[in-house]
Amino acid sequence: MSRKTLAEKAGVSEASLKRFETTGQISLSILVPLLTALDRLSDLDELLAEKTPVSLRELKDTKRQRGRK
């Protein structure tokens, strides 16, 4: 699919897609319509899903990281 076609389907600018392709940076307000246009919105759900710790050590490490700045 061309950049122009995808931009039109997602309702975003071609410049935004080009920026994402060249820099890897994208805003959430562009990413969501893009994933929707590609029928891949469920990928975002998986990315943002909270992971269940598999060990007590992992749980402790997670709590420790949340307090860091």
C-alpha atoms as a PDB file:
ATOM      1  CA  MET A   1       0.000   0.000   0.000  1.00  0.00           C
ATOM      2  CA  SER A   2       1.375   3.407  -0.855  1.00  0.00           C
ATOM      3  CA  ARG A   3       2.010   6.083   1.760  1.00  0.00           C
ATOM      4  CA  LYS A   4      -0.630   8.261   0.107  1.00  0.00           C
ATOM      5  CA  THR A   5      -3.267   5.508   0.183  1.00  0.00           C
ATOM      6  CA  LEU A   6      -2.529   4.638   3.805  1.00  0.00           C
ATOM      7  CA  ALA A   7      -2.589   8.293   4.856  1.00  0.00           C
ATOM      8  CA  GLU A   8      -5.974   8.776   3.199  1.00  0.00           C
ATOM      9  CA  LYS A   9      -7.381   5.573   4.706  1.00  0.00           C
ATOM     10  CA  ALA A  10      -6.148   6.530   8.188  1.00  0.00           C
ATOM     11  CA  GLY A  11      -7.058  10.206   7.881  1.00  0.00           C
ATOM     12  CA  VAL A  12      -3.531  11.377   8.678  1.00  0.00           C
ATOM     13  CA  SER A  13      -1.000  13.379   6.701  1.00  0.00           C
ATOM     14  CA  GLU A  14       1.588  11.795   4.449  1.00  0.00           C
ATOM     15  CA  ALA A  15       4.189  13.879   6.261  1.00  0.00           C
ATOM     16  CA  SER A  16       3.292  12.158   9.543  1.00  0.00           C
ATOM     17  CA  LEU A  17       3.767   8.743   7.951  1.00  0.00           C
ATOM     18  CA  LYS A  18       7.067   9.789   6.385  1.00  0.00           C
ATOM     19  CA  ARG A  19       8.296  11.099   9.744  1.00  0.00           C
ATOM     20  CA  PHE A  20       7.377   7.773  11.355  1.00  0.00           C
ATOM     21  CA  GLU A  21       9.138   5.824   8.613  1.00  0.00           C
ATOM     22  CA  THR A  22      12.324   7.872   8.821  1.00  0.00           C
ATOM     23  CA  THR A  23      12.602   8.549  12.558  1.00  0.00           C
ATOM     24  CA  GLY A  24      10.502   5.835  14.193  1.00  0.00           C
ATOM     25  CA  GLN A  25       8.691   8.523  16.169  1.00  0.00           C
ATOM     26  CA  ILE A  26       4.906   8.830  16.114  1.00  0.00           C
ATOM     27  CA  SER A  27       2.257  10.356  18.335  1.00  0.00           C
ATOM     28  CA  LEU A  28      -0.513   8.251  19.783  1.00  0.00           C
ATOM     29  CA  SER A  29      -3.056  10.414  17.948  1.00  0.00           C
ATOM     30  CA  ILE A  30      -1.477   9.285  14.650  1.00  0.00           C
ATOM     31  CA  LEU A  31      -0.670   5.701  15.680  1.00  0.00           C
ATOM     32  CA  VAL A  32      -4.226   4.741  16.636  1.00  0.00           C
ATOM     33  CA  PRO A  33      -5.851   5.706  13.304  1.00  0.00           C
ATOM     34  CA  LEU A  34      -2.921   4.135  11.462  1.00  0.00           C
ATOM     35  CA  LEU A  35      -3.336   0.824  13.281  1.00  0.00           C
ATOM     36  CA  THR A  36      -7.090   1.006  12.742  1.00  0.00           C
ATOM     37  CA  ALA A  37      -6.610   1.529   8.991  1.00  0.00           C
ATOM     38  CA  LEU A  38      -4.294  -1.482   8.891  1.00  0.00           C
ATOM     39  CA  ASP A  39      -6.726  -3.567  11.000  1.00  0.00           C
ATOM     40  CA  ARG A  40      -3.986  -3.978  13.635  1.00  0.00           C
ATOM     41  CA  LEU A  41      -5.456  -2.066  16.586  1.00  0.00           C
ATOM     42  CA  SER A  42      -5.327  -5.240  18.685  1.00  0.00           C
ATOM     43  CA  ASP A  43      -1.514  -4.987  18.511  1.00  0.00           C
ATOM     44  CA  LEU A  44      -1.767  -1.860  20.660  1.00  0.00           C
ATOM     45  CA  ASP A  45      -3.850  -3.739  23.228  1.00  0.00           C
ATOM     46  CA  GLU A  46      -1.134  -6.372  23.474  1.00  0.00           C
ATOM     47  CA  LEU A  47       1.604  -3.775  23.777  1.00  0.00           C
ATOM     48  CA  LEU A  48      -0.163  -1.924  26.592  1.00  0.00           C
ATOM     49  CA  ALA A  49      -1.429  -4.990  28.450  1.00  0.00           C
ATOM     50  CA  GLU A  50      -0.211  -5.273  32.003  1.00  0.00           C
ATOM     51  CA  LYS A  51       2.070  -8.254  32.372  1.00  0.00           C
ATOM     52  CA  THR A  52       1.533 -10.637  35.271  1.00  0.00           C
ATOM     53  CA  PRO A  53       4.740 -11.197  37.251  1.00  0.00           C
ATOM     54  CA  VAL A  54       5.960 -14.779  37.128  1.00  0.00           C
ATOM     55  CA  SER A  55       8.032 -14.653  40.300  1.00  0.00           C
ATOM     56  CA  LEU A  56       8.235 -12.771  43.572  1.00  0.00           C
ATOM     57  CA  ARG A  57      11.582 -11.285  42.494  1.00  0.00           C
ATOM     58  CA  GLU A  58      10.019  -9.928  39.302  1.00  0.00           C
ATOM     59  CA  LEU A  59       7.204  -8.402  41.331  1.00  0.00           C
ATOM     60  CA  LYS A  60       9.680  -6.730  43.688  1.00  0.00           C
ATOM     61  CA  ASP A  61      11.782  -5.415  40.777  1.00  0.00           C
ATOM     62  CA  THR A  62       8.661  -3.962  39.137  1.00  0.00           C
ATOM     63  CA  LYS A  63       7.711  -2.050  42.279  1.00  0.00           C
ATOM     64  CA  ARG A  64      11.248  -0.744  42.612  1.00  0.00           C
ATOM     65  CA  GLN A  65      11.266   0.588  39.022  1.00  0.00           C
ATOM     66  CA  ARG A  66       7.991   2.460  39.453  1.00  0.00           C
ATOM     67  CA  GLY A  67       9.489   4.615  42.200  1.00  0.00           C
ATOM     68  CA  ARG A  68      12.539   5.681  40.189  1.00  0.00           C
ATOM     69  CA  LYS A  69      12.789   8.966  38.348  1.00  0.00           C
END
